[in-house]
Each structure stands twice: as structure tokens, then as C-alpha cells.
Amino acid sequence: MKKTYQCKGCGNEVVSLMKPSECQVCTGREWTRLATSKPIDSGDETMAIDKDLFSSFKFRSTIEGYCRDIGWKISSIDNQIAVIKFDMESGSTQTLFIVKYDSTLEFSCPSGLKFDDIDDIPHNLSTFLLGKNAEYKLGFWALQKIGEKQTFSIIHNAEMSLIDVNYFRKILIILVEKCDEFEQNIETLINS
């Protein structure tokens, strides 16, 4: 059975199989076990987590906690947006944005491929990326207007209730790797 623990420092409640080591809100280490408990699904599928972990005042602490657990450094963060930069083996740096909406998080990694106007975008490039979208199980290519430029970005939207630290890690790694691979392929085409 999952148990409900309450941080003695700030009152944050966590539902877990084991007593948490540290509160994600206040970093306190003292817990009270509450009387309520929840059954755990013994199946193979990952259970959804409490979407309250990403509520407006917990978004920041949850992202910080996940990144700390994984060993990633956050470039900037507030209660709605987090930015994480990844130094890639190719030598480039990929920037990933996490934006909080009502019940979903949007993960987006803009490529370096930008166009002044939508009419400047090569038709065959858009068709190629639409074909890639059909192959992906996680992430999709889209055009985002960033500043005044049309930018190809790889995006993934996920319900907050489905995101645990493992899924979070998987999303970020896949998006930055696919974006970096895309940029390297474009650079190879341009240079050949």
C-alpha cells in the first residue's frame, strides 16, 4: 500500500511506497505518516502520479527535484517555465523549454533552423518532418514563431499526472537527441 506522508516543515503531502528522504518544496527531512493510504497497482504499467506535484507553486520544486535526481543543471526557472541546456556530443548546445499549462506540460526543443517568413520554408522539408512525425512515439515536429522567426521545434505534450522522474528524463533525452540529429543532418546537406 502507498502511504501518505506530510512534511513537518511545510505541510507538503507525498503519496509513496516509502518515506521520502527530502521534501521537494522546503527540503525538510522530517515526515509525519498520515492515516490514509492508497492501494498500489501491481501491474507492469507505470502509475500516474499526483498532478499536484506540478501545481503552480510546486512546478518549480518538482522540476528542480527531478533535475537534481538526474544530475542536470537548470538554466532558468520560474513557476511557469523552465529552461534546461544540454551540451551535445556534436559540439552544439540544445535548449529545452518546459511550459506549464492547465493540466499539461509542453516540452519543446527549438532547432537552429529558422525562417523569416512561412513562405520561405521549403515544402520538401516540411513533408519530410511530417513523415518523421508518423514514425515517432514520443515528440513531433512543428513550426513555432519564436521572436519574428518561424522555427522548427520538436515538441511533446504530456498530462502532468503521467510524469514521473523516469518519464521526464526519457522525454528530455529523446527531444534533444532528435533535435540535434536533425540539425546535424541539415548541416551535412548544406555543406555537401
N, C-alpha and C. Protein backbone atom coordinates (compact mmCIF):
# COMPACT_ATOMS: atom_id res chain seq x y z
N MET A 1 0.83 -1.19 0.00
CA MET A 1 0.00 0.00 0.00
C MET A 1 0.87 1.25 0.00
N LYS A 2 0.46 2.21 -0.78
CA LYS A 2 1.12 3.51 -0.73
C LYS A 2 0.66 4.22 0.53
N LYS A 3 1.56 4.98 1.10
CA LYS A 3 1.25 5.73 2.31
C LYS A 3 1.35 7.22 2.02
N THR A 4 0.63 8.00 2.79
CA THR A 4 0.67 9.45 2.65
C THR A 4 1.55 10.00 3.77
N TYR A 5 2.56 10.77 3.36
CA TYR A 5 3.48 11.40 4.31
C TYR A 5 3.31 12.91 4.20
N GLN A 6 3.41 13.60 5.35
CA GLN A 6 3.31 15.06 5.37
C GLN A 6 4.60 15.62 5.95
N CYS A 7 5.18 16.58 5.22
CA CYS A 7 6.40 17.24 5.68
C CYS A 7 6.08 18.07 6.92
N LYS A 8 6.86 17.91 7.97
CA LYS A 8 6.64 18.68 9.20
C LYS A 8 7.01 20.15 9.00
N GLY A 9 7.88 20.44 8.03
CA GLY A 9 8.32 21.80 7.80
C GLY A 9 7.32 22.68 7.08
N CYS A 10 6.69 22.14 6.02
CA CYS A 10 5.82 22.99 5.20
C CYS A 10 4.42 22.40 4.99
N GLY A 11 4.19 21.16 5.40
CA GLY A 11 2.87 20.56 5.24
C GLY A 11 2.65 19.89 3.89
N ASN A 12 3.67 19.87 3.02
CA ASN A 12 3.57 19.20 1.73
C ASN A 12 3.24 17.72 1.94
N GLU A 13 2.26 17.21 1.17
CA GLU A 13 1.90 15.80 1.26
C GLU A 13 2.44 15.04 0.08
N VAL A 14 2.97 13.85 0.36
CA VAL A 14 3.54 12.98 -0.67
C VAL A 14 2.97 11.59 -0.48
N VAL A 15 2.49 10.99 -1.58
CA VAL A 15 2.00 9.62 -1.54
C VAL A 15 3.09 8.74 -2.13
N SER A 16 3.57 7.77 -1.34
CA SER A 16 4.72 6.98 -1.77
C SER A 16 4.72 5.63 -1.07
N LEU A 17 5.44 4.68 -1.66
CA LEU A 17 5.61 3.37 -1.02
C LEU A 17 6.53 3.47 0.19
N MET A 18 7.52 4.38 0.11
CA MET A 18 8.49 4.55 1.20
C MET A 18 8.50 6.00 1.65
N LYS A 19 8.98 6.21 2.85
CA LYS A 19 9.09 7.57 3.37
C LYS A 19 10.08 8.35 2.52
N PRO A 20 9.70 9.53 2.03
CA PRO A 20 10.62 10.34 1.21
C PRO A 20 11.83 10.76 2.02
N SER A 21 12.96 10.93 1.33
CA SER A 21 14.16 11.36 2.03
C SER A 21 14.18 12.87 2.25
N GLU A 22 13.61 13.62 1.28
CA GLU A 22 13.66 15.07 1.36
C GLU A 22 12.42 15.68 0.72
N CYS A 23 11.87 16.71 1.34
CA CYS A 23 10.71 17.40 0.79
C CYS A 23 11.13 18.20 -0.44
N GLN A 24 10.37 18.07 -1.53
CA GLN A 24 10.69 18.79 -2.76
C GLN A 24 10.33 20.27 -2.66
N VAL A 25 9.54 20.64 -1.67
CA VAL A 25 9.12 22.03 -1.53
C VAL A 25 10.09 22.80 -0.64
N CYS A 26 10.37 22.27 0.56
CA CYS A 26 11.19 23.03 1.52
C CYS A 26 12.51 22.35 1.87
N THR A 27 12.79 21.20 1.28
CA THR A 27 13.97 20.38 1.54
C THR A 27 14.04 19.85 2.97
N GLY A 28 12.91 19.89 3.69
CA GLY A 28 12.86 19.32 5.03
C GLY A 28 13.01 17.80 4.99
N ARG A 29 13.42 17.22 6.12
CA ARG A 29 13.66 15.78 6.17
C ARG A 29 12.83 15.09 7.25
N GLU A 30 11.92 15.82 7.89
CA GLU A 30 11.08 15.22 8.92
C GLU A 30 9.67 15.06 8.39
N TRP A 31 9.11 13.85 8.57
CA TRP A 31 7.82 13.49 7.99
C TRP A 31 6.89 12.90 9.04
N THR A 32 5.60 13.13 8.85
CA THR A 32 4.55 12.50 9.64
C THR A 32 3.77 11.60 8.69
N ARG A 33 3.53 10.36 9.11
CA ARG A 33 2.72 9.46 8.28
C ARG A 33 1.25 9.69 8.62
N LEU A 34 0.47 10.04 7.59
CA LEU A 34 -0.95 10.28 7.78
C LEU A 34 -1.70 8.96 7.78
N ALA A 35 -2.90 8.98 8.30
CA ALA A 35 -3.69 7.76 8.48
C ALA A 35 -4.17 7.15 7.16
N THR A 36 -4.30 7.97 6.11
CA THR A 36 -4.83 7.45 4.85
C THR A 36 -3.75 6.74 4.06
N SER A 37 -4.14 5.75 3.30
CA SER A 37 -3.22 5.07 2.40
C SER A 37 -3.96 4.73 1.12
N LYS A 38 -3.22 4.48 0.06
CA LYS A 38 -3.82 4.20 -1.23
C LYS A 38 -3.29 2.88 -1.76
N PRO A 39 -4.16 2.07 -2.39
CA PRO A 39 -3.68 0.80 -2.95
C PRO A 39 -2.74 1.05 -4.12
N ILE A 40 -1.80 0.17 -4.30
CA ILE A 40 -0.87 0.28 -5.42
C ILE A 40 -1.22 -0.75 -6.47
N ASP A 41 -1.13 -0.35 -7.71
CA ASP A 41 -1.39 -1.25 -8.83
C ASP A 41 -0.18 -2.17 -8.97
N SER A 42 -0.40 -3.46 -8.96
CA SER A 42 0.71 -4.40 -9.05
C SER A 42 1.03 -4.77 -10.48
N GLY A 43 0.39 -4.13 -11.45
CA GLY A 43 0.65 -4.42 -12.86
C GLY A 43 1.98 -3.86 -13.31
N ASP A 44 2.31 -4.08 -14.57
CA ASP A 44 3.60 -3.65 -15.11
C ASP A 44 3.60 -2.20 -15.53
N GLU A 45 2.45 -1.60 -15.69
CA GLU A 45 2.40 -0.23 -16.19
C GLU A 45 2.75 0.77 -15.11
N THR A 46 3.37 1.86 -15.55
CA THR A 46 3.71 2.93 -14.63
C THR A 46 2.43 3.60 -14.13
N MET A 47 2.38 3.84 -12.85
CA MET A 47 1.20 4.50 -12.29
C MET A 47 1.31 6.00 -12.49
N ALA A 48 0.19 6.63 -12.65
CA ALA A 48 0.17 8.09 -12.74
C ALA A 48 0.51 8.65 -11.36
N ILE A 49 1.12 9.82 -11.35
CA ILE A 49 1.46 10.46 -10.10
C ILE A 49 0.47 11.58 -9.82
N ASP A 50 0.55 12.13 -8.66
CA ASP A 50 -0.33 13.21 -8.26
C ASP A 50 0.02 14.46 -9.06
N LYS A 51 -0.93 14.95 -9.88
CA LYS A 51 -0.62 16.11 -10.72
C LYS A 51 -0.40 17.37 -9.89
N ASP A 52 -0.72 17.32 -8.61
CA ASP A 52 -0.45 18.45 -7.73
C ASP A 52 1.05 18.72 -7.63
N LEU A 53 1.89 17.73 -7.99
CA LEU A 53 3.33 17.94 -8.00
C LEU A 53 3.73 19.08 -8.92
N PHE A 54 2.89 19.35 -9.94
CA PHE A 54 3.20 20.39 -10.91
C PHE A 54 2.27 21.61 -10.76
N SER A 55 1.53 21.71 -9.66
CA SER A 55 0.70 22.89 -9.47
C SER A 55 1.61 24.12 -9.50
N SER A 56 1.03 25.30 -9.66
CA SER A 56 1.83 26.49 -9.92
C SER A 56 2.95 26.71 -8.90
N PHE A 57 2.71 26.46 -7.63
CA PHE A 57 3.78 26.71 -6.67
C PHE A 57 4.69 25.50 -6.49
N LYS A 58 4.30 24.33 -7.03
CA LYS A 58 5.15 23.15 -6.92
C LYS A 58 5.86 22.82 -8.24
N PHE A 59 5.47 23.48 -9.33
CA PHE A 59 6.11 23.25 -10.63
C PHE A 59 7.62 23.39 -10.49
N ARG A 60 8.03 24.50 -9.92
CA ARG A 60 9.46 24.79 -9.79
C ARG A 60 10.18 23.74 -8.95
N SER A 61 9.63 23.42 -7.79
CA SER A 61 10.32 22.47 -6.91
C SER A 61 10.33 21.06 -7.49
N THR A 62 9.28 20.70 -8.22
CA THR A 62 9.25 19.37 -8.85
C THR A 62 10.30 19.26 -9.94
N ILE A 63 10.37 20.26 -10.82
CA ILE A 63 11.37 20.26 -11.90
C ILE A 63 12.78 20.27 -11.28
N GLU A 64 12.99 21.11 -10.27
CA GLU A 64 14.30 21.17 -9.61
C GLU A 64 14.65 19.82 -8.99
N GLY A 65 13.66 19.17 -8.36
CA GLY A 65 13.90 17.87 -7.75
C GLY A 65 14.24 16.80 -8.78
N TYR A 66 13.49 16.78 -9.88
CA TYR A 66 13.76 15.80 -10.94
C TYR A 66 15.16 16.02 -11.51
N CYS A 67 15.49 17.27 -11.81
CA CYS A 67 16.81 17.57 -12.38
C CYS A 67 17.93 17.24 -11.40
N ARG A 68 17.71 17.50 -10.14
CA ARG A 68 18.71 17.17 -9.13
C ARG A 68 18.91 15.66 -9.08
N ASP A 69 17.81 14.90 -9.11
CA ASP A 69 17.90 13.43 -9.08
C ASP A 69 18.65 12.88 -10.29
N ILE A 70 18.45 13.50 -11.44
CA ILE A 70 19.06 13.04 -12.69
C ILE A 70 20.50 13.56 -12.82
N GLY A 71 20.77 14.72 -12.22
CA GLY A 71 22.09 15.33 -12.31
C GLY A 71 22.20 16.41 -13.37
N TRP A 72 21.06 17.01 -13.74
CA TRP A 72 21.04 18.06 -14.74
C TRP A 72 20.97 19.43 -14.07
N LYS A 73 21.57 20.43 -14.73
CA LYS A 73 21.55 21.80 -14.24
C LYS A 73 20.49 22.59 -15.00
N ILE A 74 19.68 23.33 -14.29
CA ILE A 74 18.63 24.15 -14.90
C ILE A 74 19.21 25.53 -15.22
N SER A 75 18.96 26.00 -16.45
CA SER A 75 19.46 27.33 -16.85
C SER A 75 18.64 28.44 -16.22
N SER A 76 17.29 28.29 -16.28
CA SER A 76 16.41 29.27 -15.64
C SER A 76 15.08 28.60 -15.35
N ILE A 77 14.38 29.12 -14.33
CA ILE A 77 13.11 28.51 -13.94
C ILE A 77 12.29 29.53 -13.15
N ASP A 78 10.97 29.48 -13.36
CA ASP A 78 10.03 30.20 -12.51
C ASP A 78 8.84 29.26 -12.29
N ASN A 79 7.69 29.80 -11.95
CA ASN A 79 6.54 28.94 -11.66
C ASN A 79 5.78 28.47 -12.90
N GLN A 80 6.19 28.90 -14.10
CA GLN A 80 5.50 28.51 -15.33
C GLN A 80 6.42 27.92 -16.39
N ILE A 81 7.70 28.34 -16.41
CA ILE A 81 8.62 27.93 -17.47
C ILE A 81 9.97 27.53 -16.87
N ALA A 82 10.51 26.43 -17.40
CA ALA A 82 11.87 26.01 -17.04
C ALA A 82 12.67 25.88 -18.33
N VAL A 83 13.95 26.21 -18.26
CA VAL A 83 14.85 26.10 -19.41
C VAL A 83 16.06 25.29 -18.98
N ILE A 84 16.35 24.24 -19.78
CA ILE A 84 17.50 23.38 -19.50
C ILE A 84 18.33 23.31 -20.77
N LYS A 85 19.63 23.50 -20.64
CA LYS A 85 20.54 23.45 -21.79
C LYS A 85 21.39 22.18 -21.70
N PHE A 86 21.57 21.54 -22.86
CA PHE A 86 22.33 20.30 -22.94
C PHE A 86 23.49 20.47 -23.91
N ASP A 87 24.70 20.17 -23.46
CA ASP A 87 25.87 20.15 -24.33
C ASP A 87 25.90 18.78 -24.99
N MET A 88 25.81 18.78 -26.32
CA MET A 88 25.71 17.54 -27.08
C MET A 88 27.08 17.06 -27.55
N GLU A 89 27.18 15.77 -27.84
CA GLU A 89 28.43 15.20 -28.35
C GLU A 89 28.84 15.84 -29.67
N SER A 90 27.88 16.36 -30.42
CA SER A 90 28.17 17.00 -31.71
C SER A 90 28.90 18.33 -31.53
N GLY A 91 28.91 18.84 -30.30
CA GLY A 91 29.53 20.14 -30.03
C GLY A 91 28.52 21.26 -29.92
N SER A 92 27.28 21.00 -30.28
CA SER A 92 26.24 22.03 -30.18
C SER A 92 25.60 22.00 -28.79
N THR A 93 24.83 23.02 -28.52
CA THR A 93 24.06 23.09 -27.28
C THR A 93 22.59 23.11 -27.66
N GLN A 94 21.81 22.20 -27.09
CA GLN A 94 20.36 22.16 -27.31
C GLN A 94 19.68 22.77 -26.09
N THR A 95 18.69 23.61 -26.34
CA THR A 95 17.94 24.26 -25.28
C THR A 95 16.53 23.68 -25.27
N LEU A 96 16.10 23.21 -24.10
CA LEU A 96 14.77 22.62 -23.97
C LEU A 96 13.94 23.48 -23.01
N PHE A 97 12.72 23.77 -23.44
CA PHE A 97 11.79 24.57 -22.64
C PHE A 97 10.69 23.66 -22.10
N ILE A 98 10.33 23.87 -20.85
CA ILE A 98 9.19 23.18 -20.24
C ILE A 98 8.21 24.27 -19.83
N VAL A 99 7.00 24.22 -20.40
CA VAL A 99 5.99 25.25 -20.13
C VAL A 99 4.78 24.58 -19.49
N LYS A 100 4.33 25.13 -18.38
CA LYS A 100 3.18 24.59 -17.65
C LYS A 100 1.90 25.23 -18.19
N TYR A 101 0.96 24.38 -18.59
CA TYR A 101 -0.38 24.81 -18.95
C TYR A 101 -1.34 24.22 -17.92
N ASP A 102 -2.64 24.30 -18.14
CA ASP A 102 -3.62 23.86 -17.14
C ASP A 102 -3.28 22.49 -16.54
N SER A 103 -3.43 21.44 -17.33
CA SER A 103 -3.15 20.10 -16.82
C SER A 103 -2.06 19.39 -17.61
N THR A 104 -1.38 20.14 -18.46
CA THR A 104 -0.31 19.54 -19.27
C THR A 104 0.98 20.33 -19.16
N LEU A 105 2.05 19.65 -19.49
CA LEU A 105 3.35 20.29 -19.64
C LEU A 105 3.74 20.18 -21.10
N GLU A 106 4.25 21.27 -21.66
CA GLU A 106 4.77 21.25 -23.02
C GLU A 106 6.29 21.27 -22.93
N PHE A 107 6.91 20.28 -23.56
CA PHE A 107 8.36 20.20 -23.66
C PHE A 107 8.70 20.57 -25.10
N SER A 108 9.56 21.54 -25.32
CA SER A 108 9.91 21.92 -26.70
C SER A 108 11.40 22.21 -26.81
N CYS A 109 11.95 21.74 -27.92
CA CYS A 109 13.37 21.95 -28.22
C CYS A 109 13.45 22.58 -29.60
N PRO A 110 13.62 23.91 -29.67
CA PRO A 110 13.70 24.59 -30.96
C PRO A 110 15.01 24.27 -31.67
N SER A 111 14.92 24.03 -32.97
CA SER A 111 16.13 23.79 -33.75
C SER A 111 16.74 25.13 -34.14
N GLY A 112 17.91 25.06 -34.71
CA GLY A 112 18.56 26.27 -35.21
C GLY A 112 18.07 26.65 -36.60
N LEU A 113 17.15 25.88 -37.15
CA LEU A 113 16.62 26.14 -38.49
C LEU A 113 15.45 27.12 -38.39
N LYS A 114 15.71 28.36 -38.81
CA LYS A 114 14.72 29.44 -38.68
C LYS A 114 14.52 30.12 -40.02
N PHE A 115 13.30 30.58 -40.21
CA PHE A 115 12.95 31.26 -41.47
C PHE A 115 12.24 32.57 -41.15
N ASP A 116 12.52 33.59 -41.99
CA ASP A 116 11.89 34.90 -41.78
C ASP A 116 10.39 34.85 -42.00
N ASP A 117 9.97 34.06 -42.98
CA ASP A 117 8.56 34.03 -43.35
C ASP A 117 8.15 32.58 -43.61
N ILE A 118 6.92 32.28 -43.35
CA ILE A 118 6.43 30.92 -43.56
C ILE A 118 6.54 30.50 -45.02
N ASP A 119 6.45 31.47 -45.94
CA ASP A 119 6.57 31.17 -47.37
C ASP A 119 8.00 30.80 -47.78
N ASP A 120 8.98 31.08 -46.91
CA ASP A 120 10.38 30.75 -47.21
C ASP A 120 10.73 29.30 -46.88
N ILE A 121 9.83 28.60 -46.21
CA ILE A 121 10.12 27.24 -45.76
C ILE A 121 10.00 26.27 -46.94
N PRO A 122 11.06 25.50 -47.22
CA PRO A 122 10.99 24.54 -48.32
C PRO A 122 9.90 23.48 -48.07
N HIS A 123 9.06 23.29 -49.05
CA HIS A 123 7.95 22.34 -48.95
C HIS A 123 8.45 20.93 -48.63
N ASN A 124 9.55 20.51 -49.28
CA ASN A 124 10.04 19.15 -49.06
C ASN A 124 10.55 18.93 -47.63
N LEU A 125 11.03 19.98 -46.99
CA LEU A 125 11.48 19.87 -45.60
C LEU A 125 10.29 19.63 -44.67
N SER A 126 9.22 20.38 -44.87
CA SER A 126 8.00 20.19 -44.07
C SER A 126 7.43 18.79 -44.27
N THR A 127 7.42 18.33 -45.51
CA THR A 127 6.90 17.00 -45.83
C THR A 127 7.76 15.93 -45.17
N PHE A 128 9.07 16.11 -45.20
CA PHE A 128 9.99 15.18 -44.55
C PHE A 128 9.70 15.08 -43.05
N LEU A 129 9.53 16.23 -42.40
CA LEU A 129 9.28 16.22 -40.95
C LEU A 129 7.90 15.67 -40.60
N LEU A 130 6.91 15.89 -41.46
CA LEU A 130 5.60 15.26 -41.23
C LEU A 130 5.72 13.74 -41.29
N GLY A 131 6.54 13.25 -42.21
CA GLY A 131 6.78 11.81 -42.29
C GLY A 131 7.47 11.29 -41.03
N LYS A 132 8.43 12.07 -40.51
CA LYS A 132 9.10 11.70 -39.26
C LYS A 132 8.11 11.62 -38.10
N ASN A 133 7.16 12.57 -38.08
CA ASN A 133 6.15 12.56 -37.01
C ASN A 133 5.40 11.23 -36.96
N ALA A 134 5.14 10.64 -38.11
CA ALA A 134 4.42 9.38 -38.16
C ALA A 134 5.24 8.23 -37.57
N GLU A 135 6.57 8.37 -37.55
CA GLU A 135 7.45 7.33 -37.02
C GLU A 135 7.63 7.45 -35.50
N TYR A 136 7.45 8.64 -34.96
CA TYR A 136 7.77 8.87 -33.54
C TYR A 136 6.64 8.43 -32.62
N LYS A 137 7.03 7.85 -31.51
CA LYS A 137 6.06 7.54 -30.45
C LYS A 137 6.06 8.65 -29.40
N LEU A 138 7.14 9.41 -29.39
CA LEU A 138 7.27 10.50 -28.42
C LEU A 138 7.85 11.70 -29.16
N GLY A 139 7.14 12.80 -29.13
CA GLY A 139 7.60 14.03 -29.78
C GLY A 139 7.06 14.16 -31.20
N PHE A 140 6.95 15.40 -31.65
CA PHE A 140 6.52 15.70 -33.01
C PHE A 140 7.15 17.03 -33.43
N TRP A 141 7.37 17.16 -34.73
CA TRP A 141 7.91 18.40 -35.27
C TRP A 141 6.79 19.38 -35.56
N ALA A 142 7.05 20.64 -35.28
CA ALA A 142 6.07 21.69 -35.53
C ALA A 142 6.81 23.00 -35.80
N LEU A 143 6.09 23.95 -36.36
CA LEU A 143 6.62 25.30 -36.53
C LEU A 143 6.17 26.14 -35.35
N GLN A 144 7.10 26.85 -34.75
CA GLN A 144 6.78 27.78 -33.68
C GLN A 144 7.30 29.15 -34.09
N LYS A 145 6.51 30.17 -33.81
CA LYS A 145 7.00 31.53 -34.05
C LYS A 145 7.75 31.95 -32.79
N ILE A 146 9.05 32.08 -32.93
CA ILE A 146 9.91 32.48 -31.81
C ILE A 146 10.54 33.79 -32.21
N GLY A 147 10.20 34.83 -31.47
CA GLY A 147 10.59 36.18 -31.89
C GLY A 147 9.85 36.47 -33.18
N GLU A 148 10.58 36.84 -34.20
CA GLU A 148 9.97 37.11 -35.50
C GLU A 148 10.25 36.00 -36.51
N LYS A 149 10.78 34.89 -36.05
CA LYS A 149 11.19 33.81 -36.95
C LYS A 149 10.28 32.59 -36.83
N GLN A 150 10.08 31.90 -37.95
CA GLN A 150 9.40 30.61 -37.98
C GLN A 150 10.48 29.55 -37.70
N THR A 151 10.31 28.82 -36.63
CA THR A 151 11.35 27.89 -36.17
C THR A 151 10.80 26.48 -36.09
N PHE A 152 11.54 25.52 -36.67
CA PHE A 152 11.19 24.11 -36.50
C PHE A 152 11.59 23.69 -35.09
N SER A 153 10.62 23.17 -34.34
CA SER A 153 10.86 22.68 -32.99
C SER A 153 10.30 21.28 -32.85
N ILE A 154 10.94 20.49 -32.02
CA ILE A 154 10.38 19.19 -31.67
C ILE A 154 9.73 19.35 -30.31
N ILE A 155 8.48 18.89 -30.21
CA ILE A 155 7.62 19.18 -29.06
C ILE A 155 7.01 17.88 -28.54
N HIS A 156 6.75 17.84 -27.26
CA HIS A 156 5.97 16.75 -26.68
C HIS A 156 5.08 17.36 -25.60
N ASN A 157 3.80 17.05 -25.65
CA ASN A 157 2.86 17.48 -24.61
C ASN A 157 2.47 16.27 -23.79
N ALA A 158 2.45 16.42 -22.47
CA ALA A 158 2.11 15.30 -21.60
C ALA A 158 1.26 15.77 -20.44
N GLU A 159 0.29 14.95 -20.08
CA GLU A 159 -0.52 15.22 -18.90
C GLU A 159 0.38 15.18 -17.67
N MET A 160 0.23 16.15 -16.80
CA MET A 160 1.06 16.23 -15.60
C MET A 160 0.97 14.95 -14.78
N SER A 161 -0.22 14.36 -14.75
CA SER A 161 -0.44 13.18 -13.90
C SER A 161 0.36 11.97 -14.37
N LEU A 162 0.95 12.01 -15.56
CA LEU A 162 1.71 10.88 -16.08
C LEU A 162 3.21 11.03 -15.91
N ILE A 163 3.65 12.20 -15.47
CA ILE A 163 5.09 12.49 -15.49
C ILE A 163 5.74 12.19 -14.15
N ASP A 164 6.51 11.12 -14.14
CA ASP A 164 7.39 10.86 -13.00
C ASP A 164 8.82 11.15 -13.46
N VAL A 165 9.78 10.97 -12.60
CA VAL A 165 11.16 11.35 -12.94
C VAL A 165 11.69 10.54 -14.13
N ASN A 166 11.30 9.27 -14.25
CA ASN A 166 11.80 8.45 -15.36
C ASN A 166 11.21 8.89 -16.70
N TYR A 167 9.92 9.18 -16.72
CA TYR A 167 9.28 9.66 -17.95
C TYR A 167 9.82 11.04 -18.32
N PHE A 168 10.02 11.89 -17.32
CA PHE A 168 10.59 13.22 -17.51
C PHE A 168 11.96 13.10 -18.20
N ARG A 169 12.81 12.25 -17.67
CA ARG A 169 14.15 12.04 -18.24
C ARG A 169 14.06 11.54 -19.68
N LYS A 170 13.20 10.57 -19.92
CA LYS A 170 13.04 9.98 -21.26
C LYS A 170 12.60 11.04 -22.27
N ILE A 171 11.62 11.86 -21.90
CA ILE A 171 11.12 12.92 -22.80
C ILE A 171 12.26 13.86 -23.19
N LEU A 172 12.97 14.37 -22.19
CA LEU A 172 14.01 15.35 -22.47
C LEU A 172 15.13 14.78 -23.32
N ILE A 173 15.57 13.58 -23.01
CA ILE A 173 16.67 12.97 -23.77
C ILE A 173 16.26 12.75 -25.22
N ILE A 174 15.08 12.20 -25.44
CA ILE A 174 14.63 11.94 -26.81
C ILE A 174 14.50 13.24 -27.60
N LEU A 175 13.91 14.27 -27.02
CA LEU A 175 13.72 15.52 -27.76
C LEU A 175 15.04 16.18 -28.13
N VAL A 176 15.97 16.28 -27.18
CA VAL A 176 17.24 16.96 -27.51
C VAL A 176 18.06 16.12 -28.48
N GLU A 177 18.00 14.80 -28.38
CA GLU A 177 18.75 13.96 -29.33
C GLU A 177 18.17 14.06 -30.74
N LYS A 178 16.84 14.06 -30.86
CA LYS A 178 16.22 14.17 -32.19
C LYS A 178 16.48 15.55 -32.79
N CYS A 179 16.45 16.58 -31.99
CA CYS A 179 16.71 17.93 -32.50
C CYS A 179 18.16 18.04 -32.95
N ASP A 180 19.08 17.51 -32.16
CA ASP A 180 20.49 17.57 -32.52
C ASP A 180 20.76 16.76 -33.79
N GLU A 181 20.16 15.59 -33.91
CA GLU A 181 20.31 14.77 -35.11
C GLU A 181 19.78 15.51 -36.35
N PHE A 182 18.63 16.15 -36.21
CA PHE A 182 18.05 16.93 -37.31
C PHE A 182 19.00 18.05 -37.74
N GLU A 183 19.52 18.80 -36.77
CA GLU A 183 20.44 19.90 -37.09
C GLU A 183 21.71 19.39 -37.77
N GLN A 184 22.24 18.27 -37.29
CA GLN A 184 23.46 17.72 -37.89
C GLN A 184 23.19 17.26 -39.33
N ASN A 185 22.02 16.66 -39.57
CA ASN A 185 21.66 16.24 -40.93
C ASN A 185 21.50 17.44 -41.86
N ILE A 186 20.88 18.50 -41.38
CA ILE A 186 20.73 19.72 -42.19
C ILE A 186 22.09 20.32 -42.50
N GLU A 187 22.97 20.36 -41.50
CA GLU A 187 24.31 20.92 -41.71
C GLU A 187 25.08 20.10 -42.74
N THR A 188 24.95 18.77 -42.68
CA THR A 188 25.61 17.90 -43.65
C THR A 188 25.09 18.17 -45.06
N LEU A 189 23.75 18.34 -45.20
CA LEU A 189 23.17 18.63 -46.51
C LEU A 189 23.66 19.97 -47.07
N ILE A 190 23.74 20.96 -46.20
CA ILE A 190 24.16 22.30 -46.63
C ILE A 190 25.62 22.29 -47.06
N ASN A 191 26.45 21.54 -46.34
CA ASN A 191 27.88 21.51 -46.62
C ASN A 191 28.28 20.57 -47.76
N SER A 192 27.32 19.77 -48.26
CA SER A 192 27.69 18.81 -49.33
C SER A 192 27.36 19.34 -50.71
